[in-house]
mmCIF file of all heavy atoms, coordinates in Angstrom:
data_MODEL
# 
_entry.id   MODEL 
# 
loop_
_atom_site.group_PDB 
_atom_site.id 
_atom_site.type_symbol 
_atom_site.label_atom_id 
_atom_site.label_alt_id 
_atom_site.label_comp_id 
_atom_site.label_asym_id 
_atom_site.label_entity_id 
_atom_site.label_seq_id 
_atom_site.pdbx_PDB_ins_code 
_atom_site.Cartn_x 
_atom_site.Cartn_y 
_atom_site.Cartn_z 
_atom_site.occupancy 
_atom_site.B_iso_or_equiv 
_atom_site.pdbx_formal_charge 
_atom_site.auth_seq_id 
_atom_site.auth_comp_id 
_atom_site.auth_asym_id 
_atom_site.auth_atom_id 
_atom_site.pdbx_PDB_model_num 
ATOM 1   N N   . SER A 1 1  ? 110.374 91.771 100.620 1.00 0.00 ? 1  SER A N   1 
ATOM 2   C CA  . SER A 1 1  ? 111.158 92.413 101.471 1.00 0.00 ? 1  SER A CA  1 
ATOM 3   C C   . SER A 1 1  ? 110.693 92.722 102.813 1.00 0.00 ? 1  SER A C   1 
ATOM 4   O O   . SER A 1 1  ? 111.236 92.541 103.823 1.00 0.00 ? 1  SER A O   1 
ATOM 5   C CB  . SER A 1 1  ? 111.694 93.729 100.789 1.00 0.00 ? 1  SER A CB  1 
ATOM 6   O OG  . SER A 1 1  ? 112.419 94.562 101.711 1.00 0.00 ? 1  SER A OG  1 
ATOM 7   N N   . LEU A 1 2  ? 109.319 93.105 102.928 1.00 0.00 ? 2  LEU A N   1 
ATOM 8   C CA  . LEU A 1 2  ? 108.695 93.410 104.103 1.00 0.00 ? 2  LEU A CA  1 
ATOM 9   C C   . LEU A 1 2  ? 108.484 92.123 104.987 1.00 0.00 ? 2  LEU A C   1 
ATOM 10  O O   . LEU A 1 2  ? 108.737 92.181 106.270 1.00 0.00 ? 2  LEU A O   1 
ATOM 11  C CB  . LEU A 1 2  ? 107.195 94.017 103.859 1.00 0.00 ? 2  LEU A CB  1 
ATOM 12  C CG  . LEU A 1 2  ? 106.445 94.234 105.012 1.00 0.00 ? 2  LEU A CG  1 
ATOM 13  C CD1 . LEU A 1 2  ? 106.935 95.384 105.899 1.00 0.00 ? 2  LEU A CD1 1 
ATOM 14  C CD2 . LEU A 1 2  ? 104.907 94.696 104.451 1.00 0.00 ? 2  LEU A CD2 1 
ATOM 15  N N   . GLN A 1 3  ? 108.089 91.114 104.329 1.00 0.00 ? 3  GLN A N   1 
ATOM 16  C CA  . GLN A 1 3  ? 107.962 89.790 105.177 1.00 0.00 ? 3  GLN A CA  1 
ATOM 17  C C   . GLN A 1 3  ? 109.353 89.338 105.691 1.00 0.00 ? 3  GLN A C   1 
ATOM 18  O O   . GLN A 1 3  ? 109.288 88.891 106.901 1.00 0.00 ? 3  GLN A O   1 
ATOM 19  C CB  . GLN A 1 3  ? 107.517 88.708 104.242 1.00 0.00 ? 3  GLN A CB  1 
ATOM 20  C CG  . GLN A 1 3  ? 106.995 87.384 104.913 1.00 0.00 ? 3  GLN A CG  1 
ATOM 21  C CD  . GLN A 1 3  ? 108.244 86.350 105.108 1.00 0.00 ? 3  GLN A CD  1 
ATOM 22  O OE1 . GLN A 1 3  ? 109.153 86.481 104.505 1.00 0.00 ? 3  GLN A OE1 1 
ATOM 23  N NE2 . GLN A 1 3  ? 108.035 85.521 106.144 1.00 0.00 ? 3  GLN A NE2 1 
ATOM 24  N N   . ARG A 1 4  ? 110.475 89.517 105.122 1.00 0.00 ? 4  ARG A N   1 
ATOM 25  C CA  . ARG A 1 4  ? 111.706 89.239 105.600 1.00 0.00 ? 4  ARG A CA  1 
ATOM 26  C C   . ARG A 1 4  ? 112.103 90.062 106.720 1.00 0.00 ? 4  ARG A C   1 
ATOM 27  O O   . ARG A 1 4  ? 112.710 89.591 107.748 1.00 0.00 ? 4  ARG A O   1 
ATOM 28  C CB  . ARG A 1 4  ? 112.727 89.138 104.433 1.00 0.00 ? 4  ARG A CB  1 
ATOM 29  C CG  . ARG A 1 4  ? 112.634 87.888 103.677 1.00 0.00 ? 4  ARG A CG  1 
ATOM 30  C CD  . ARG A 1 4  ? 113.375 88.025 102.297 1.00 0.00 ? 4  ARG A CD  1 
ATOM 31  N NE  . ARG A 1 4  ? 113.321 86.878 101.449 1.00 0.00 ? 4  ARG A NE  1 
ATOM 32  C CZ  . ARG A 1 4  ? 112.148 86.317 100.801 1.00 0.00 ? 4  ARG A CZ  1 
ATOM 33  N NH1 . ARG A 1 4  ? 111.070 87.068 100.926 1.00 0.00 ? 4  ARG A NH1 1 
ATOM 34  N NH2 . ARG A 1 4  ? 112.211 85.297 100.145 1.00 0.00 ? 4  ARG A NH2 1 
ATOM 35  N N   . ARG A 1 5  ? 111.717 91.273 106.704 1.00 0.00 ? 5  ARG A N   1 
ATOM 36  C CA  . ARG A 1 5  ? 112.024 92.290 107.780 1.00 0.00 ? 5  ARG A CA  1 
ATOM 37  C C   . ARG A 1 5  ? 111.189 91.888 108.992 1.00 0.00 ? 5  ARG A C   1 
ATOM 38  O O   . ARG A 1 5  ? 111.734 92.025 110.144 1.00 0.00 ? 5  ARG A O   1 
ATOM 39  C CB  . ARG A 1 5  ? 111.729 93.739 107.254 1.00 0.00 ? 5  ARG A CB  1 
ATOM 40  C CG  . ARG A 1 5  ? 112.474 94.669 108.084 1.00 0.00 ? 5  ARG A CG  1 
ATOM 41  C CD  . ARG A 1 5  ? 112.134 96.223 107.683 1.00 0.00 ? 5  ARG A CD  1 
ATOM 42  N NE  . ARG A 1 5  ? 111.651 96.366 106.266 1.00 0.00 ? 5  ARG A NE  1 
ATOM 43  C CZ  . ARG A 1 5  ? 111.057 97.485 105.986 1.00 0.00 ? 5  ARG A CZ  1 
ATOM 44  N NH1 . ARG A 1 5  ? 110.789 98.425 106.892 1.00 0.00 ? 5  ARG A NH1 1 
ATOM 45  N NH2 . ARG A 1 5  ? 110.815 97.686 104.708 1.00 0.00 ? 5  ARG A NH2 1 
ATOM 46  N N   . LEU A 1 6  ? 109.923 91.639 108.801 1.00 0.00 ? 6  LEU A N   1 
ATOM 47  C CA  . LEU A 1 6  ? 109.064 91.405 109.927 1.00 0.00 ? 6  LEU A CA  1 
ATOM 48  C C   . LEU A 1 6  ? 109.232 89.927 110.503 1.00 0.00 ? 6  LEU A C   1 
ATOM 49  O O   . LEU A 1 6  ? 108.916 89.722 111.682 1.00 0.00 ? 6  LEU A O   1 
ATOM 50  C CB  . LEU A 1 6  ? 107.567 91.735 109.575 1.00 0.00 ? 6  LEU A CB  1 
ATOM 51  C CG  . LEU A 1 6  ? 107.229 92.970 109.011 1.00 0.00 ? 6  LEU A CG  1 
ATOM 52  C CD1 . LEU A 1 6  ? 105.715 93.118 108.643 1.00 0.00 ? 6  LEU A CD1 1 
ATOM 53  C CD2 . LEU A 1 6  ? 107.330 93.960 110.286 1.00 0.00 ? 6  LEU A CD2 1 
ATOM 54  N N   . GLY A 1 7  ? 109.567 89.114 109.621 1.00 0.00 ? 7  GLY A N   1 
ATOM 55  C CA  . GLY A 1 7  ? 109.881 87.682 110.024 1.00 0.00 ? 7  GLY A CA  1 
ATOM 56  C C   . GLY A 1 7  ? 108.545 86.952 110.410 1.00 0.00 ? 7  GLY A C   1 
ATOM 57  O O   . GLY A 1 7  ? 108.597 85.889 111.196 1.00 0.00 ? 7  GLY A O   1 
ATOM 58  N N   . VAL A 1 8  ? 107.450 87.406 109.842 1.00 0.00 ? 8  VAL A N   1 
ATOM 59  C CA  . VAL A 1 8  ? 106.229 86.682 110.049 1.00 0.00 ? 8  VAL A CA  1 
ATOM 60  C C   . VAL A 1 8  ? 105.953 85.534 109.157 1.00 0.00 ? 8  VAL A C   1 
ATOM 61  O O   . VAL A 1 8  ? 106.112 85.685 107.934 1.00 0.00 ? 8  VAL A O   1 
ATOM 62  C CB  . VAL A 1 8  ? 105.113 87.630 110.030 1.00 0.00 ? 8  VAL A CB  1 
ATOM 63  C CG1 . VAL A 1 8  ? 103.621 86.876 110.499 1.00 0.00 ? 8  VAL A CG1 1 
ATOM 64  C CG2 . VAL A 1 8  ? 105.179 88.791 111.107 1.00 0.00 ? 8  VAL A CG2 1 
ATOM 65  N N   . THR A 1 9  ? 105.576 84.416 109.668 1.00 0.00 ? 9  THR A N   1 
ATOM 66  C CA  . THR A 1 9  ? 105.171 83.283 108.841 1.00 0.00 ? 9  THR A CA  1 
ATOM 67  C C   . THR A 1 9  ? 104.154 83.653 107.924 1.00 0.00 ? 9  THR A C   1 
ATOM 68  O O   . THR A 1 9  ? 103.023 84.165 108.256 1.00 0.00 ? 9  THR A O   1 
ATOM 69  C CB  . THR A 1 9  ? 104.783 82.029 109.704 1.00 0.00 ? 9  THR A CB  1 
ATOM 70  O OG1 . THR A 1 9  ? 105.756 81.758 110.659 1.00 0.00 ? 9  THR A OG1 1 
ATOM 71  C CG2 . THR A 1 9  ? 104.553 80.739 108.711 1.00 0.00 ? 9  THR A CG2 1 
ATOM 72  N N   . THR A 1 10 ? 104.361 83.312 106.566 1.00 0.00 ? 10 THR A N   1 
ATOM 73  C CA  . THR A 1 10 ? 103.419 83.796 105.634 1.00 0.00 ? 10 THR A CA  1 
ATOM 74  C C   . THR A 1 10 ? 103.075 82.751 104.688 1.00 0.00 ? 10 THR A C   1 
ATOM 75  O O   . THR A 1 10 ? 103.936 81.967 104.062 1.00 0.00 ? 10 THR A O   1 
ATOM 76  C CB  . THR A 1 10 ? 103.958 84.986 104.726 1.00 0.00 ? 10 THR A CB  1 
ATOM 77  O OG1 . THR A 1 10 ? 104.296 86.064 105.738 1.00 0.00 ? 10 THR A OG1 1 
ATOM 78  C CG2 . THR A 1 10 ? 103.046 85.469 103.722 1.00 0.00 ? 10 THR A CG2 1 
ATOM 79  N N   . VAL A 1 11 ? 101.684 82.563 104.304 1.00 0.00 ? 11 VAL A N   1 
ATOM 80  C CA  . VAL A 1 11 ? 101.295 81.642 103.297 1.00 0.00 ? 11 VAL A CA  1 
ATOM 81  C C   . VAL A 1 11 ? 100.524 82.533 102.249 1.00 0.00 ? 11 VAL A C   1 
ATOM 82  O O   . VAL A 1 11 ? 99.567  83.239 102.545 1.00 0.00 ? 11 VAL A O   1 
ATOM 83  C CB  . VAL A 1 11 ? 100.239 80.554 103.900 1.00 0.00 ? 11 VAL A CB  1 
ATOM 84  C CG1 . VAL A 1 11 ? 99.809  79.652 102.774 1.00 0.00 ? 11 VAL A CG1 1 
ATOM 85  C CG2 . VAL A 1 11 ? 100.889 79.776 105.053 1.00 0.00 ? 11 VAL A CG2 1 
ATOM 86  N N   . TYR A 1 12 ? 101.040 82.322 101.074 1.00 0.00 ? 12 TYR A N   1 
ATOM 87  C CA  . TYR A 1 12 ? 100.733 83.284 99.976  1.00 0.00 ? 12 TYR A CA  1 
ATOM 88  C C   . TYR A 1 12 ? 100.059 82.574 98.811  1.00 0.00 ? 12 TYR A C   1 
ATOM 89  O O   . TYR A 1 12 ? 100.825 81.553 98.314  1.00 0.00 ? 12 TYR A O   1 
ATOM 90  C CB  . TYR A 1 12 ? 102.021 84.086 99.569  1.00 0.00 ? 12 TYR A CB  1 
ATOM 91  C CG  . TYR A 1 12 ? 101.853 85.143 98.422  1.00 0.00 ? 12 TYR A CG  1 
ATOM 92  C CD1 . TYR A 1 12 ? 101.829 86.441 98.856  1.00 0.00 ? 12 TYR A CD1 1 
ATOM 93  C CD2 . TYR A 1 12 ? 101.627 84.885 97.149  1.00 0.00 ? 12 TYR A CD2 1 
ATOM 94  C CE1 . TYR A 1 12 ? 101.778 87.467 97.872  1.00 0.00 ? 12 TYR A CE1 1 
ATOM 95  C CE2 . TYR A 1 12 ? 101.547 85.813 96.119  1.00 0.00 ? 12 TYR A CE2 1 
ATOM 96  C CZ  . TYR A 1 12 ? 101.641 87.204 96.588  1.00 0.00 ? 12 TYR A CZ  1 
ATOM 97  O OH  . TYR A 1 12 ? 101.540 88.197 95.665  1.00 0.00 ? 12 TYR A OH  1 
ATOM 98  N N   . VAL A 1 13 ? 99.018  82.901 98.284  1.00 0.00 ? 13 VAL A N   1 
ATOM 99  C CA  . VAL A 1 13 ? 98.363  82.124 97.164  1.00 0.00 ? 13 VAL A CA  1 
ATOM 100 C C   . VAL A 1 13 ? 98.466  83.038 95.790  1.00 0.00 ? 13 VAL A C   1 
ATOM 101 O O   . VAL A 1 13 ? 98.282  84.223 95.875  1.00 0.00 ? 13 VAL A O   1 
ATOM 102 C CB  . VAL A 1 13 ? 96.921  81.931 97.467  1.00 0.00 ? 13 VAL A CB  1 
ATOM 103 C CG1 . VAL A 1 13 ? 96.149  81.445 96.150  1.00 0.00 ? 13 VAL A CG1 1 
ATOM 104 C CG2 . VAL A 1 13 ? 96.744  80.771 98.506  1.00 0.00 ? 13 VAL A CG2 1 
ATOM 105 N N   . THR A 1 14 ? 98.936  82.405 94.822  1.00 0.00 ? 14 THR A N   1 
ATOM 106 C CA  . THR A 1 14 ? 98.951  82.962 93.465  1.00 0.00 ? 14 THR A CA  1 
ATOM 107 C C   . THR A 1 14 ? 98.818  82.010 92.279  1.00 0.00 ? 14 THR A C   1 
ATOM 108 O O   . THR A 1 14 ? 99.149  80.774 92.640  1.00 0.00 ? 14 THR A O   1 
ATOM 109 C CB  . THR A 1 14 ? 100.381 83.786 93.147  1.00 0.00 ? 14 THR A CB  1 
ATOM 110 O OG1 . THR A 1 14 ? 100.290 84.337 91.925  1.00 0.00 ? 14 THR A OG1 1 
ATOM 111 C CG2 . THR A 1 14 ? 101.629 82.802 93.345  1.00 0.00 ? 14 THR A CG2 1 
ATOM 112 N N   . HIS A 1 15 ? 98.416  82.371 91.159  1.00 0.00 ? 15 HIS A N   1 
ATOM 113 C CA  . HIS A 1 15 ? 98.300  81.496 89.949  1.00 0.00 ? 15 HIS A CA  1 
ATOM 114 C C   . HIS A 1 15 ? 99.483  81.812 89.209  1.00 0.00 ? 15 HIS A C   1 
ATOM 115 O O   . HIS A 1 15 ? 99.707  81.051 88.139  1.00 0.00 ? 15 HIS A O   1 
ATOM 116 C CB  . HIS A 1 15 ? 96.958  81.698 89.218  1.00 0.00 ? 15 HIS A CB  1 
ATOM 117 C CG  . HIS A 1 15 ? 96.879  83.054 88.661  1.00 0.00 ? 15 HIS A CG  1 
ATOM 118 N ND1 . HIS A 1 15 ? 96.479  84.245 89.358  1.00 0.00 ? 15 HIS A ND1 1 
ATOM 119 C CD2 . HIS A 1 15 ? 97.220  83.482 87.405  1.00 0.00 ? 15 HIS A CD2 1 
ATOM 120 C CE1 . HIS A 1 15 ? 96.450  85.162 88.531  1.00 0.00 ? 15 HIS A CE1 1 
ATOM 121 N NE2 . HIS A 1 15 ? 96.978  84.835 87.362  1.00 0.00 ? 15 HIS A NE2 1 
ATOM 122 N N   . ASP A 1 16 ? 100.238 82.837 89.500  1.00 0.00 ? 16 ASP A N   1 
ATOM 123 C CA  . ASP A 1 16 ? 101.324 83.182 88.613  1.00 0.00 ? 16 ASP A CA  1 
ATOM 124 C C   . ASP A 1 16 ? 102.689 82.523 89.015  1.00 0.00 ? 16 ASP A C   1 
ATOM 125 O O   . ASP A 1 16 ? 103.150 82.874 90.227  1.00 0.00 ? 16 ASP A O   1 
ATOM 126 C CB  . ASP A 1 16 ? 101.570 84.766 88.752  1.00 0.00 ? 16 ASP A CB  1 
ATOM 127 C CG  . ASP A 1 16 ? 102.574 85.407 87.855  1.00 0.00 ? 16 ASP A CG  1 
ATOM 128 O OD1 . ASP A 1 16 ? 103.458 84.636 87.464  1.00 0.00 ? 16 ASP A OD1 1 
ATOM 129 O OD2 . ASP A 1 16 ? 102.501 86.567 87.551  1.00 0.00 ? 16 ASP A OD2 1 
ATOM 130 N N   . GLN A 1 17 ? 103.140 81.622 88.273  1.00 0.00 ? 17 GLN A N   1 
ATOM 131 C CA  . GLN A 1 17 ? 104.411 80.927 88.651  1.00 0.00 ? 17 GLN A CA  1 
ATOM 132 C C   . GLN A 1 17 ? 105.642 81.772 88.757  1.00 0.00 ? 17 GLN A C   1 
ATOM 133 O O   . GLN A 1 17 ? 106.538 81.445 89.522  1.00 0.00 ? 17 GLN A O   1 
ATOM 134 C CB  . GLN A 1 17 ? 104.560 79.717 87.758  1.00 0.00 ? 17 GLN A CB  1 
ATOM 135 C CG  . GLN A 1 17 ? 104.661 79.959 86.371  1.00 0.00 ? 17 GLN A CG  1 
ATOM 136 C CD  . GLN A 1 17 ? 106.087 80.109 85.844  1.00 0.00 ? 17 GLN A CD  1 
ATOM 137 O OE1 . GLN A 1 17 ? 107.034 79.912 86.530  1.00 0.00 ? 17 GLN A OE1 1 
ATOM 138 N NE2 . GLN A 1 17 ? 106.311 80.601 84.571  1.00 0.00 ? 17 GLN A NE2 1 
ATOM 139 N N   . VAL A 1 18 ? 105.724 82.837 87.967  1.00 0.00 ? 18 VAL A N   1 
ATOM 140 C CA  . VAL A 1 18 ? 106.822 83.839 88.104  1.00 0.00 ? 18 VAL A CA  1 
ATOM 141 C C   . VAL A 1 18 ? 106.796 84.453 89.464  1.00 0.00 ? 18 VAL A C   1 
ATOM 142 O O   . VAL A 1 18 ? 107.837 84.714 90.021  1.00 0.00 ? 18 VAL A O   1 
ATOM 143 C CB  . VAL A 1 18 ? 106.772 84.789 86.906  1.00 0.00 ? 18 VAL A CB  1 
ATOM 144 C CG1 . VAL A 1 18 ? 107.828 85.831 87.133  1.00 0.00 ? 18 VAL A CG1 1 
ATOM 145 C CG2 . VAL A 1 18 ? 107.029 84.131 85.553  1.00 0.00 ? 18 VAL A CG2 1 
ATOM 146 N N   . GLU A 1 19 ? 105.621 84.895 89.885  1.00 0.00 ? 19 GLU A N   1 
ATOM 147 C CA  . GLU A 1 19 ? 105.498 85.545 91.283  1.00 0.00 ? 19 GLU A CA  1 
ATOM 148 C C   . GLU A 1 19 ? 105.919 84.480 92.268  1.00 0.00 ? 19 GLU A C   1 
ATOM 149 O O   . GLU A 1 19 ? 106.638 84.785 93.184  1.00 0.00 ? 19 GLU A O   1 
ATOM 150 C CB  . GLU A 1 19 ? 104.011 85.759 91.514  1.00 0.00 ? 19 GLU A CB  1 
ATOM 151 C CG  . GLU A 1 19 ? 103.697 87.009 92.187  1.00 0.00 ? 19 GLU A CG  1 
ATOM 152 C CD  . GLU A 1 19 ? 102.233 87.397 92.224  1.00 0.00 ? 19 GLU A CD  1 
ATOM 153 O OE1 . GLU A 1 19 ? 101.866 88.143 91.352  1.00 0.00 ? 19 GLU A OE1 1 
ATOM 154 O OE2 . GLU A 1 19 ? 101.414 86.965 93.108  1.00 0.00 ? 19 GLU A OE2 1 
ATOM 155 N N   . ALA A 1 20 ? 105.450 83.248 92.066  1.00 0.00 ? 20 ALA A N   1 
ATOM 156 C CA  . ALA A 1 20 ? 105.818 82.216 93.144  1.00 0.00 ? 20 ALA A CA  1 
ATOM 157 C C   . ALA A 1 20 ? 107.430 82.004 93.102  1.00 0.00 ? 20 ALA A C   1 
ATOM 158 O O   . ALA A 1 20 ? 107.975 81.987 94.262  1.00 0.00 ? 20 ALA A O   1 
ATOM 159 C CB  . ALA A 1 20 ? 105.226 80.847 92.713  1.00 0.00 ? 20 ALA A CB  1 
ATOM 160 N N   . MET A 1 21 ? 108.025 81.895 91.932  1.00 0.00 ? 21 MET A N   1 
ATOM 161 C CA  . MET A 1 21 ? 109.451 81.757 91.949  1.00 0.00 ? 21 MET A CA  1 
ATOM 162 C C   . MET A 1 21 ? 110.211 82.860 92.679  1.00 0.00 ? 21 MET A C   1 
ATOM 163 O O   . MET A 1 21 ? 111.227 82.578 93.236  1.00 0.00 ? 21 MET A O   1 
ATOM 164 C CB  . MET A 1 21 ? 109.914 81.495 90.491  1.00 0.00 ? 21 MET A CB  1 
ATOM 165 C CG  . MET A 1 21 ? 109.399 80.270 89.712  1.00 0.00 ? 21 MET A CG  1 
ATOM 166 S SD  . MET A 1 21 ? 110.427 78.759 90.224  1.00 0.00 ? 21 MET A SD  1 
ATOM 167 C CE  . MET A 1 21 ? 111.842 79.129 89.335  1.00 0.00 ? 21 MET A CE  1 
ATOM 168 N N   . THR A 1 22 ? 109.751 84.087 92.336  1.00 0.00 ? 22 THR A N   1 
ATOM 169 C CA  . THR A 1 22 ? 110.525 85.262 92.752  1.00 0.00 ? 22 THR A CA  1 
ATOM 170 C C   . THR A 1 22 ? 110.256 85.644 94.237  1.00 0.00 ? 22 THR A C   1 
ATOM 171 O O   . THR A 1 22 ? 111.151 86.284 94.939  1.00 0.00 ? 22 THR A O   1 
ATOM 172 C CB  . THR A 1 22 ? 110.154 86.492 91.980  1.00 0.00 ? 22 THR A CB  1 
ATOM 173 O OG1 . THR A 1 22 ? 108.770 86.679 92.003  1.00 0.00 ? 22 THR A OG1 1 
ATOM 174 C CG2 . THR A 1 22 ? 110.705 86.384 90.588  1.00 0.00 ? 22 THR A CG2 1 
ATOM 175 N N   . MET A 1 23 ? 109.199 85.144 94.907  1.00 0.00 ? 23 MET A N   1 
ATOM 176 C CA  . MET A 1 23 ? 108.863 85.535 96.318  1.00 0.00 ? 23 MET A CA  1 
ATOM 177 C C   . MET A 1 23 ? 109.095 84.643 97.291  1.00 0.00 ? 23 MET A C   1 
ATOM 178 O O   . MET A 1 23 ? 109.491 84.929 98.400  1.00 0.00 ? 23 MET A O   1 
ATOM 179 C CB  . MET A 1 23 ? 107.371 85.995 96.181  1.00 0.00 ? 23 MET A CB  1 
ATOM 180 C CG  . MET A 1 23 ? 107.062 87.166 95.465  1.00 0.00 ? 23 MET A CG  1 
ATOM 181 S SD  . MET A 1 23 ? 105.303 87.654 95.463  1.00 0.00 ? 23 MET A SD  1 
ATOM 182 C CE  . MET A 1 23 ? 105.261 88.437 97.188  1.00 0.00 ? 23 MET A CE  1 
ATOM 183 N N   . GLY A 1 24 ? 108.861 83.251 96.972  1.00 0.00 ? 24 GLY A N   1 
ATOM 184 C CA  . GLY A 1 24 ? 108.720 82.312 98.150  1.00 0.00 ? 24 GLY A CA  1 
ATOM 185 C C   . GLY A 1 24 ? 110.058 81.741 98.411  1.00 0.00 ? 24 GLY A C   1 
ATOM 186 O O   . GLY A 1 24 ? 111.019 81.604 97.703  1.00 0.00 ? 24 GLY A O   1 
ATOM 187 N N   . ASP A 1 25 ? 110.194 81.328 99.786  1.00 0.00 ? 25 ASP A N   1 
ATOM 188 C CA  . ASP A 1 25 ? 111.225 80.534 100.313 1.00 0.00 ? 25 ASP A CA  1 
ATOM 189 C C   . ASP A 1 25 ? 111.101 79.134 99.700  1.00 0.00 ? 25 ASP A C   1 
ATOM 190 O O   . ASP A 1 25 ? 112.012 78.462 99.309  1.00 0.00 ? 25 ASP A O   1 
ATOM 191 C CB  . ASP A 1 25 ? 111.254 80.401 101.854 1.00 0.00 ? 25 ASP A CB  1 
ATOM 192 C CG  . ASP A 1 25 ? 111.603 81.799 102.481 1.00 0.00 ? 25 ASP A CG  1 
ATOM 193 O OD1 . ASP A 1 25 ? 112.368 82.566 101.793 1.00 0.00 ? 25 ASP A OD1 1 
ATOM 194 O OD2 . ASP A 1 25 ? 110.975 82.287 103.344 1.00 0.00 ? 25 ASP A OD2 1 
ATOM 195 N N   . ARG A 1 26 ? 109.831 78.760 99.769  1.00 0.00 ? 26 ARG A N   1 
ATOM 196 C CA  . ARG A 1 26 ? 109.433 77.356 99.121  1.00 0.00 ? 26 ARG A CA  1 
ATOM 197 C C   . ARG A 1 26 ? 108.104 77.522 98.341  1.00 0.00 ? 26 ARG A C   1 
ATOM 198 O O   . ARG A 1 26 ? 107.395 78.527 98.647  1.00 0.00 ? 26 ARG A O   1 
ATOM 199 C CB  . ARG A 1 26 ? 109.287 76.273 100.122 1.00 0.00 ? 26 ARG A CB  1 
ATOM 200 C CG  . ARG A 1 26 ? 110.562 75.691 100.646 1.00 0.00 ? 26 ARG A CG  1 
ATOM 201 C CD  . ARG A 1 26 ? 110.246 74.403 101.578 1.00 0.00 ? 26 ARG A CD  1 
ATOM 202 N NE  . ARG A 1 26 ? 109.335 74.699 102.636 1.00 0.00 ? 26 ARG A NE  1 
ATOM 203 C CZ  . ARG A 1 26 ? 108.639 73.832 103.197 1.00 0.00 ? 26 ARG A CZ  1 
ATOM 204 N NH1 . ARG A 1 26 ? 108.679 72.494 102.767 1.00 0.00 ? 26 ARG A NH1 1 
ATOM 205 N NH2 . ARG A 1 26 ? 107.817 74.146 104.282 1.00 0.00 ? 26 ARG A NH2 1 
ATOM 206 N N   . ILE A 1 27 ? 107.945 76.626 97.416  1.00 0.00 ? 27 ILE A N   1 
ATOM 207 C CA  . ILE A 1 27 ? 106.616 76.713 96.642  1.00 0.00 ? 27 ILE A CA  1 
ATOM 208 C C   . ILE A 1 27 ? 105.963 75.384 96.882  1.00 0.00 ? 27 ILE A C   1 
ATOM 209 O O   . ILE A 1 27 ? 106.624 74.446 96.766  1.00 0.00 ? 27 ILE A O   1 
ATOM 210 C CB  . ILE A 1 27 ? 107.033 76.852 95.080  1.00 0.00 ? 27 ILE A CB  1 
ATOM 211 C CG1 . ILE A 1 27 ? 107.781 78.202 94.825  1.00 0.00 ? 27 ILE A CG1 1 
ATOM 212 C CG2 . ILE A 1 27 ? 105.691 76.766 94.286  1.00 0.00 ? 27 ILE A CG2 1 
ATOM 213 C CD1 . ILE A 1 27 ? 108.279 78.267 93.442  1.00 0.00 ? 27 ILE A CD1 1 
# 
């Protein structure tokens, strides 16, 4: 929610595919 409000390009690393599915615009 914060990232969408700020609109800053974000690259996020995780090993949790559920986290990836729920957070990312793309994976």
